[in-house]
Structure formats: C-alpha cells, structure tokens
C-alpha cells in the first residue's frame, strides 16, 4: 500500500438513484478504498512489461456488482475480489444495456487466477477525463439491470461494487481483470422502477 500512498492515488464514489420520472436521489457520496491491485497494475505499466505493451491492458475498463457486502476479513487494501459478485448474465439482466463477459479474475502478479466470473464492460463513452490527474467512470445499471435478485430463496440487495483493470499481465488470450478499487454501501433492492448511476472518480 505504500506505493499507492506515495502516488497519492485516491477515489470517490457517488451512487444516484434515478426514478422513471427523472427524479434523482443521492444514496452515497463518499470515498472508496484503492486496493493493492492498483499498485500492481501501475508497477507493470511503469516497468513497460513487454507482455503488456498495449495501454489498454492497464486501463480500468470493467466492473462488478455484488450482494454480500464487506469481505469476511474486513475491507482492506489486500482484497482481490468482491465477497459475492453476481454469478451470471441473467443476474445482471438479460434485457439490460450492459455488455458482459466471462473472464478469469487475477489474484496476484504471478498470474494466479480464479475460475471465470462475470464482468461488465465500462463503455469508452462513460470514461471521462475531468482534470489533469482525475478520471471519472460512469457505471449505469438501467431499469432492466440487476432486478429482483435472490439468494437461497430470499430477496438479496446489492451492496458492493468493484473496478478492475483490463489485463495488466498482458499476454495472449482472454483478458484477466484485476481489482483496483472497491466500495461497500447500504443495501439497495434493485427493481425496474429505477436506474442506478455510479459516478466513480479516481485521482492519480
């Protein structure tokens, strides 16, 4: 984590509930945690690792939504995955505008990975430079996304979200995302009555 502190990397997340009428309600407006995956990704970028020559590999381009809230060991910089990421494209919403992919989650810099998980792509149009050192990522769960979720027969709220770099280890084959920023939030029972907008700003 010292690497991140030295670089003064920080993040801020705002979650907005948008009703069909257009009425907006801010549900969260607070800082997030930058995890050690950010340091790993930047280290590879600064070292110009020949396996990851494309700048795309180091860009934040994916996100996940989760149901289980804070990890069992607490929210620390060492976490590498969400506690309960949505497990299927159906949970994200077959009728939504989200672009989804099944990819392997990277655990560490040696390339160790978990079995495939579902990741949502962040459209290029939703990535905005807002200053010399700040980038905003706008994640949109539309009215058809993540609705009426259940776990073990019970209604399940969404309460965690993570940002991932695309493929910092480079190499051929499918991308292997790595968690770089994480945030838990109060339970939200998502329905088709509203959309959720996550405005996530990372300051480098």
C-alpha atoms as a PDB file:
ATOM      1  CA  UNK A   1       0.000   0.000   0.000  1.00  0.00           C
ATOM      2  CA  UNK A   2       2.966   2.332   0.407  1.00  0.00           C
ATOM      3  CA  UNK A   3       3.239   2.547  -3.362  1.00  0.00           C
ATOM      4  CA  UNK A   4      -0.292   3.894  -3.577  1.00  0.00           C
ATOM      5  CA  UNK A   5       0.211   6.318  -0.722  1.00  0.00           C
ATOM      6  CA  UNK A   6       3.392   7.645  -2.324  1.00  0.00           C
ATOM      7  CA  UNK A   7       1.490   8.246  -5.550  1.00  0.00           C
ATOM      8  CA  UNK A   8      -1.432   9.900  -3.699  1.00  0.00           C
ATOM      9  CA  UNK A   9      -3.967   7.751  -5.515  1.00  0.00           C
ATOM     10  CA  UNK A  10      -7.496   8.136  -4.159  1.00  0.00           C
ATOM     11  CA  UNK A  11     -11.073   7.602  -5.226  1.00  0.00           C
ATOM     12  CA  UNK A  12     -14.566   8.934  -4.657  1.00  0.00           C
ATOM     13  CA  UNK A  13     -17.894   7.264  -5.417  1.00  0.00           C
ATOM     14  CA  UNK A  14     -21.338   8.760  -5.781  1.00  0.00           C
ATOM     15  CA  UNK A  15     -24.341   6.467  -6.230  1.00  0.00           C
ATOM     16  CA  UNK A  16     -27.505   8.058  -7.605  1.00  0.00           C
ATOM     17  CA  UNK A  17     -30.971   6.520  -7.774  1.00  0.00           C
ATOM     18  CA  UNK A  18     -32.915   7.741 -10.815  1.00  0.00           C
ATOM     19  CA  UNK A  19     -36.672   7.154 -10.930  1.00  0.00           C
ATOM     20  CA  UNK A  20     -38.588   6.809 -14.203  1.00  0.00           C
ATOM     21  CA  UNK A  21     -39.902  10.341 -13.650  1.00  0.00           C
ATOM     22  CA  UNK A  22     -36.316  11.612 -13.761  1.00  0.00           C
ATOM     23  CA  UNK A  23     -36.186  12.385 -10.044  1.00  0.00           C
ATOM     24  CA  UNK A  24     -32.741  11.731  -8.589  1.00  0.00           C
ATOM     25  CA  UNK A  25     -31.713  10.732  -5.070  1.00  0.00           C
ATOM     26  CA  UNK A  26     -28.099  10.518  -3.914  1.00  0.00           C
ATOM     27  CA  UNK A  27     -27.633   7.275  -1.976  1.00  0.00           C
ATOM     28  CA  UNK A  28     -23.884   7.540  -1.385  1.00  0.00           C
ATOM     29  CA  UNK A  29     -21.319  10.297  -1.738  1.00  0.00           C
ATOM     30  CA  UNK A  30     -18.060   9.180  -0.151  1.00  0.00           C
ATOM     31  CA  UNK A  31     -14.501   7.962  -0.670  1.00  0.00           C
ATOM     32  CA  UNK A  32     -13.631   4.391  -1.657  1.00  0.00           C
ATOM     33  CA  UNK A  33     -10.697   2.107  -0.989  1.00  0.00           C
ATOM     34  CA  UNK A  34      -7.887   1.719  -3.521  1.00  0.00           C
ATOM     35  CA  UNK A  35      -6.626  -1.854  -3.229  1.00  0.00           C
ATOM     36  CA  UNK A  36      -3.165  -3.293  -3.832  1.00  0.00           C
ATOM     37  CA  UNK A  37      -4.148  -4.387  -7.341  1.00  0.00           C
ATOM     38  CA  UNK A  38      -3.808  -0.752  -8.400  1.00  0.00           C
ATOM     39  CA  UNK A  39      -0.179  -0.738  -7.299  1.00  0.00           C
ATOM     40  CA  UNK A  40       0.492  -3.988  -9.155  1.00  0.00           C
ATOM     41  CA  UNK A  41      -1.053  -2.676 -12.359  1.00  0.00           C
ATOM     42  CA  UNK A  42       0.842   0.620 -12.212  1.00  0.00           C
ATOM     43  CA  UNK A  43       4.106  -1.163 -11.427  1.00  0.00           C
ATOM     44  CA  UNK A  44       3.735  -3.226 -14.594  1.00  0.00           C
ATOM     45  CA  UNK A  45       2.859  -0.125 -16.581  1.00  0.00           C
ATOM     46  CA  UNK A  46       5.838   1.878 -15.326  1.00  0.00           C
ATOM     47  CA  UNK A  47       8.159  -1.079 -15.917  1.00  0.00           C
ATOM     48  CA  UNK A  48       6.847  -1.364 -19.502  1.00  0.00           C
ATOM     49  CA  UNK A  49       6.386  -5.080 -19.118  1.00  0.00           C
ATOM     50  CA  UNK A  50       6.849  -6.493 -22.655  1.00  0.00           C
ATOM     51  CA  UNK A  51       3.916  -8.849 -22.144  1.00  0.00           C
ATOM     52  CA  UNK A  52       1.579  -5.906 -21.672  1.00  0.00           C
ATOM     53  CA  UNK A  53       2.677  -3.425 -24.294  1.00  0.00           C
ATOM     54  CA  UNK A  54      -0.828  -2.162 -25.064  1.00  0.00           C
ATOM     55  CA  UNK A  55      -2.047   0.698 -22.882  1.00  0.00           C
ATOM     56  CA  UNK A  56      -5.496  -0.924 -22.968  1.00  0.00           C
ATOM     57  CA  UNK A  57      -4.228  -3.641 -20.638  1.00  0.00           C
ATOM     58  CA  UNK A  58      -3.651  -1.124 -17.839  1.00  0.00           C
ATOM     59  CA  UNK A  59      -6.852   0.849 -18.236  1.00  0.00           C
ATOM     60  CA  UNK A  60      -9.781   0.479 -15.865  1.00  0.00           C
ATOM     61  CA  UNK A  61     -12.426  -0.989 -18.123  1.00  0.00           C
ATOM     62  CA  UNK A  62     -14.585  -3.401 -16.141  1.00  0.00           C
ATOM     63  CA  UNK A  63     -16.749  -3.559 -13.040  1.00  0.00           C
ATOM     64  CA  UNK A  64     -18.706  -5.987 -10.927  1.00  0.00           C
ATOM     65  CA  UNK A  65     -21.719  -5.686  -8.651  1.00  0.00           C
ATOM     66  CA  UNK A  66     -22.007  -7.840  -5.536  1.00  0.00           C
ATOM     67  CA  UNK A  67     -24.505  -8.998  -2.932  1.00  0.00           C
ATOM     68  CA  UNK A  68     -22.526  -9.961   0.156  1.00  0.00           C
ATOM     69  CA  UNK A  69     -21.215  -6.651   1.436  1.00  0.00           C
ATOM     70  CA  UNK A  70     -17.861  -6.337   3.231  1.00  0.00           C
ATOM     71  CA  UNK A  71     -15.433  -9.263   2.964  1.00  0.00           C
ATOM     72  CA  UNK A  72     -15.256 -11.562   5.987  1.00  0.00           C
ATOM     73  CA  UNK A  73     -11.853 -10.155   6.970  1.00  0.00           C
ATOM     74  CA  UNK A  74     -12.972  -6.549   6.542  1.00  0.00           C
ATOM     75  CA  UNK A  75     -12.303  -4.031   3.805  1.00  0.00           C
ATOM     76  CA  UNK A  76      -8.524  -3.801   3.449  1.00  0.00           C
ATOM     77  CA  UNK A  77      -6.124  -2.950   0.646  1.00  0.00           C
ATOM     78  CA  UNK A  78      -5.288  -6.642   0.225  1.00  0.00           C
ATOM     79  CA  UNK A  79      -8.689  -7.803  -1.042  1.00  0.00           C
ATOM     80  CA  UNK A  80      -8.723  -9.059  -4.612  1.00  0.00           C
ATOM     81  CA  UNK A  81     -12.389  -9.876  -5.247  1.00  0.00           C
ATOM     82  CA  UNK A  82     -15.926  -8.978  -4.257  1.00  0.00           C
ATOM     83  CA  UNK A  83     -17.495 -11.010  -1.464  1.00  0.00           C
ATOM     84  CA  UNK A  84     -20.483 -12.076  -3.544  1.00  0.00           C
ATOM     85  CA  UNK A  85     -20.192 -10.995  -7.186  1.00  0.00           C
ATOM     86  CA  UNK A  86     -23.227 -11.571  -9.372  1.00  0.00           C
ATOM     87  CA  UNK A  87     -22.736 -15.006 -10.823  1.00  0.00           C
ATOM     88  CA  UNK A  88     -24.496 -14.919 -14.187  1.00  0.00           C
ATOM     89  CA  UNK A  89     -25.516 -12.712 -17.082  1.00  0.00           C
ATOM     90  CA  UNK A  90     -29.123 -13.355 -16.044  1.00  0.00           C
ATOM     91  CA  UNK A  91     -28.480 -11.737 -12.651  1.00  0.00           C
ATOM     92  CA  UNK A  92     -27.030  -8.670 -14.368  1.00  0.00           C
ATOM     93  CA  UNK A  93     -30.142  -8.586 -16.561  1.00  0.00           C
ATOM     94  CA  UNK A  94     -30.621 -10.154 -19.974  1.00  0.00           C
ATOM     95  CA  UNK A  95     -32.579  -7.122 -21.173  1.00  0.00           C
ATOM     96  CA  UNK A  96     -30.151  -4.511 -19.882  1.00  0.00           C
ATOM     97  CA  UNK A  97     -27.697  -2.449 -21.903  1.00  0.00           C
ATOM     98  CA  UNK A  98     -24.708  -3.954 -20.099  1.00  0.00           C
ATOM     99  CA  UNK A  99     -22.010  -5.688 -22.128  1.00  0.00           C
ATOM    100  CA  UNK A 100     -20.928  -8.757 -20.157  1.00  0.00           C
ATOM    101  CA  UNK A 101     -18.039 -11.206 -20.418  1.00  0.00           C
ATOM    102  CA  UNK A 102     -16.951 -14.335 -18.565  1.00  0.00           C
ATOM    103  CA  UNK A 103     -13.287 -13.856 -17.639  1.00  0.00           C
ATOM    104  CA  UNK A 104     -10.724 -15.168 -15.152  1.00  0.00           C
ATOM    105  CA  UNK A 105     -10.068 -12.943 -12.142  1.00  0.00           C
ATOM    106  CA  UNK A 106      -6.365 -12.397 -11.404  1.00  0.00           C
ATOM    107  CA  UNK A 107      -5.339 -12.990  -7.789  1.00  0.00           C
ATOM    108  CA  UNK A 108      -1.699 -11.839  -7.858  1.00  0.00           C
ATOM    109  CA  UNK A 109       1.138 -10.653 -10.066  1.00  0.00           C
ATOM    110  CA  UNK A 110       2.260 -14.206 -10.870  1.00  0.00           C
ATOM    111  CA  UNK A 111      -0.864 -14.796 -12.933  1.00  0.00           C
ATOM    112  CA  UNK A 112      -2.779 -16.963 -10.488  1.00  0.00           C
ATOM    113  CA  UNK A 113      -6.477 -16.730 -11.191  1.00  0.00           C
ATOM    114  CA  UNK A 114      -9.884 -17.923 -10.073  1.00  0.00           C
ATOM    115  CA  UNK A 115     -12.415 -19.678 -12.248  1.00  0.00           C
ATOM    116  CA  UNK A 116     -14.298 -17.391 -14.595  1.00  0.00           C
ATOM    117  CA  UNK A 117     -16.574 -14.683 -13.244  1.00  0.00           C
ATOM    118  CA  UNK A 118     -18.963 -12.287 -14.969  1.00  0.00           C
ATOM    119  CA  UNK A 119     -17.653  -8.766 -15.642  1.00  0.00           C
ATOM    120  CA  UNK A 120     -19.481  -5.758 -17.060  1.00  0.00           C
ATOM    121  CA  UNK A 121     -17.644  -3.570 -19.557  1.00  0.00           C
ATOM    122  CA  UNK A 122     -17.345   0.181 -18.992  1.00  0.00           C
ATOM    123  CA  UNK A 123     -18.152   1.825 -22.348  1.00  0.00           C
ATOM    124  CA  UNK A 124     -15.478   4.180 -23.626  1.00  0.00           C
ATOM    125  CA  UNK A 125     -18.117   6.937 -23.750  1.00  0.00           C
ATOM    126  CA  UNK A 126     -18.555   6.554 -19.974  1.00  0.00           C
ATOM    127  CA  UNK A 127     -14.885   7.215 -19.172  1.00  0.00           C
ATOM    128  CA  UNK A 128     -14.219  10.939 -18.840  1.00  0.00           C
ATOM    129  CA  UNK A 129     -11.107  12.903 -18.001  1.00  0.00           C
ATOM    130  CA  UNK A 130     -12.178  15.659 -15.603  1.00  0.00           C
ATOM    131  CA  UNK A 131      -8.798  17.138 -14.785  1.00  0.00           C
ATOM    132  CA  UNK A 132      -5.083  16.689 -15.304  1.00  0.00           C
ATOM    133  CA  UNK A 133      -4.988  13.774 -12.871  1.00  0.00           C
ATOM    134  CA  UNK A 134      -8.616  12.637 -12.476  1.00  0.00           C
ATOM    135  CA  UNK A 135     -10.782  10.233 -14.450  1.00  0.00           C
ATOM    136  CA  UNK A 136     -14.492   9.578 -13.911  1.00  0.00           C
ATOM    137  CA  UNK A 137     -16.036   6.202 -14.665  1.00  0.00           C
ATOM    138  CA  UNK A 138     -19.827   6.234 -15.012  1.00  0.00           C
ATOM    139  CA  UNK A 139     -21.400   2.839 -14.378  1.00  0.00           C
ATOM    140  CA  UNK A 140     -25.066   2.565 -15.281  1.00  0.00           C
ATOM    141  CA  UNK A 141     -27.460  -0.101 -14.057  1.00  0.00           C
ATOM    142  CA  UNK A 142     -30.502   0.702 -16.173  1.00  0.00           C
ATOM    143  CA  UNK A 143     -34.100  -0.196 -15.372  1.00  0.00           C
ATOM    144  CA  UNK A 144     -33.562  -3.722 -16.721  1.00  0.00           C
ATOM    145  CA  UNK A 145     -30.353  -4.446 -14.810  1.00  0.00           C
ATOM    146  CA  UNK A 146     -29.884  -6.387 -11.555  1.00  0.00           C
ATOM    147  CA  UNK A 147     -33.573  -6.537 -10.693  1.00  0.00           C
ATOM    148  CA  UNK A 148     -35.277  -8.635  -8.012  1.00  0.00           C
ATOM    149  CA  UNK A 149     -32.166 -10.612  -7.109  1.00  0.00           C
ATOM    150  CA  UNK A 150     -32.389 -13.545  -4.722  1.00  0.00           C
ATOM    151  CA  UNK A 151     -30.036 -15.771  -2.747  1.00  0.00           C
ATOM    152  CA  UNK A 152     -31.215 -19.044  -1.185  1.00  0.00           C
ATOM    153  CA  UNK A 153     -34.810 -18.130  -1.872  1.00  0.00           C
ATOM    154  CA  UNK A 154     -34.594 -14.731  -0.186  1.00  0.00           C
ATOM    155  CA  UNK A 155     -34.572 -11.239  -1.668  1.00  0.00           C
ATOM    156  CA  UNK A 156     -30.953 -10.120  -1.998  1.00  0.00           C
ATOM    157  CA  UNK A 157     -29.839  -6.469  -2.067  1.00  0.00           C
ATOM    158  CA  UNK A 158     -26.803  -5.226  -3.957  1.00  0.00           C
ATOM    159  CA  UNK A 159     -24.268  -3.671  -1.587  1.00  0.00           C
ATOM    160  CA  UNK A 160     -20.778  -3.776  -3.115  1.00  0.00           C
ATOM    161  CA  UNK A 161     -19.053  -2.711  -6.310  1.00  0.00           C
ATOM    162  CA  UNK A 162     -15.552  -3.012  -7.729  1.00  0.00           C
ATOM    163  CA  UNK A 163     -13.479  -1.524 -10.548  1.00  0.00           C
ATOM    164  CA  UNK A 164     -10.981  -3.668 -12.472  1.00  0.00           C
ATOM    165  CA  UNK A 165      -8.077  -3.075 -14.838  1.00  0.00           C
ATOM    166  CA  UNK A 166      -8.478  -4.983 -18.098  1.00  0.00           C
ATOM    167  CA  UNK A 167      -5.425  -7.220 -18.304  1.00  0.00           C
ATOM    168  CA  UNK A 168      -2.303  -5.875 -16.570  1.00  0.00           C
ATOM    169  CA  UNK A 169      -0.331  -9.111 -17.038  1.00  0.00           C
ATOM    170  CA  UNK A 170      -0.761  -8.906 -20.807  1.00  0.00           C
ATOM    171  CA  UNK A 171      -0.103 -11.939 -22.941  1.00  0.00           C
ATOM    172  CA  UNK A 172      -2.252 -13.679 -25.490  1.00  0.00           C
ATOM    173  CA  UNK A 173      -5.751 -14.965 -24.914  1.00  0.00           C
ATOM    174  CA  UNK A 174      -8.678 -13.551 -22.999  1.00  0.00           C
ATOM    175  CA  UNK A 175      -8.350 -10.598 -20.654  1.00  0.00           C
ATOM    176  CA  UNK A 176      -7.767 -11.341 -16.970  1.00  0.00           C
ATOM    177  CA  UNK A 177      -9.117  -8.438 -14.899  1.00  0.00           C
ATOM    178  CA  UNK A 178      -7.686  -7.380 -11.527  1.00  0.00           C
ATOM    179  CA  UNK A 179      -9.499  -5.483  -8.781  1.00  0.00           C
ATOM    180  CA  UNK A 180      -8.146  -1.952  -8.222  1.00  0.00           C
ATOM    181  CA  UNK A 181     -10.910  -0.118  -6.308  1.00  0.00           C
ATOM    182  CA  UNK A 182     -13.721  -1.290  -4.048  1.00  0.00           C
ATOM    183  CA  UNK A 183     -16.660   0.071  -2.111  1.00  0.00           C
ATOM    184  CA  UNK A 184     -19.465  -1.313   0.025  1.00  0.00           C
ATOM    185  CA  UNK A 185     -22.703   0.596   0.517  1.00  0.00           C
ATOM    186  CA  UNK A 186     -26.070   0.289   2.250  1.00  0.00           C
ATOM    187  CA  UNK A 187     -28.404  -2.374   0.866  1.00  0.00           C
ATOM    188  CA  UNK A 188     -30.212  -1.463  -2.338  1.00  0.00           C
ATOM    189  CA  UNK A 189     -33.060  -3.699  -3.501  1.00  0.00           C
ATOM    190  CA  UNK A 190     -32.906  -3.009  -7.226  1.00  0.00           C
ATOM    191  CA  UNK A 191     -36.146  -3.131  -9.228  1.00  0.00           C
ATOM    192  CA  UNK A 192     -37.316  -1.982 -12.641  1.00  0.00           C
ATOM    193  CA  UNK A 193     -38.765   1.158 -11.019  1.00  0.00           C
ATOM    194  CA  UNK A 194     -35.400   2.931 -11.110  1.00  0.00           C
ATOM    195  CA  UNK A 195     -31.892   3.044 -12.521  1.00  0.00           C
ATOM    196  CA  UNK A 196     -28.658   3.366 -10.576  1.00  0.00           C
ATOM    197  CA  UNK A 197     -25.759   5.541 -11.659  1.00  0.00           C
ATOM    198  CA  UNK A 198     -22.316   5.059 -10.113  1.00  0.00           C
ATOM    199  CA  UNK A 199     -20.084   8.089 -10.672  1.00  0.00           C
ATOM    200  CA  UNK A 200     -16.643   6.869  -9.656  1.00  0.00           C
ATOM    201  CA  UNK A 201     -13.720   9.294  -9.776  1.00  0.00           C
ATOM    202  CA  UNK A 202     -10.135   8.090  -9.456  1.00  0.00           C
ATOM    203  CA  UNK A 203      -7.460  10.689  -8.698  1.00  0.00           C
ATOM    204  CA  UNK A 204      -3.927   9.745  -9.789  1.00  0.00           C
END
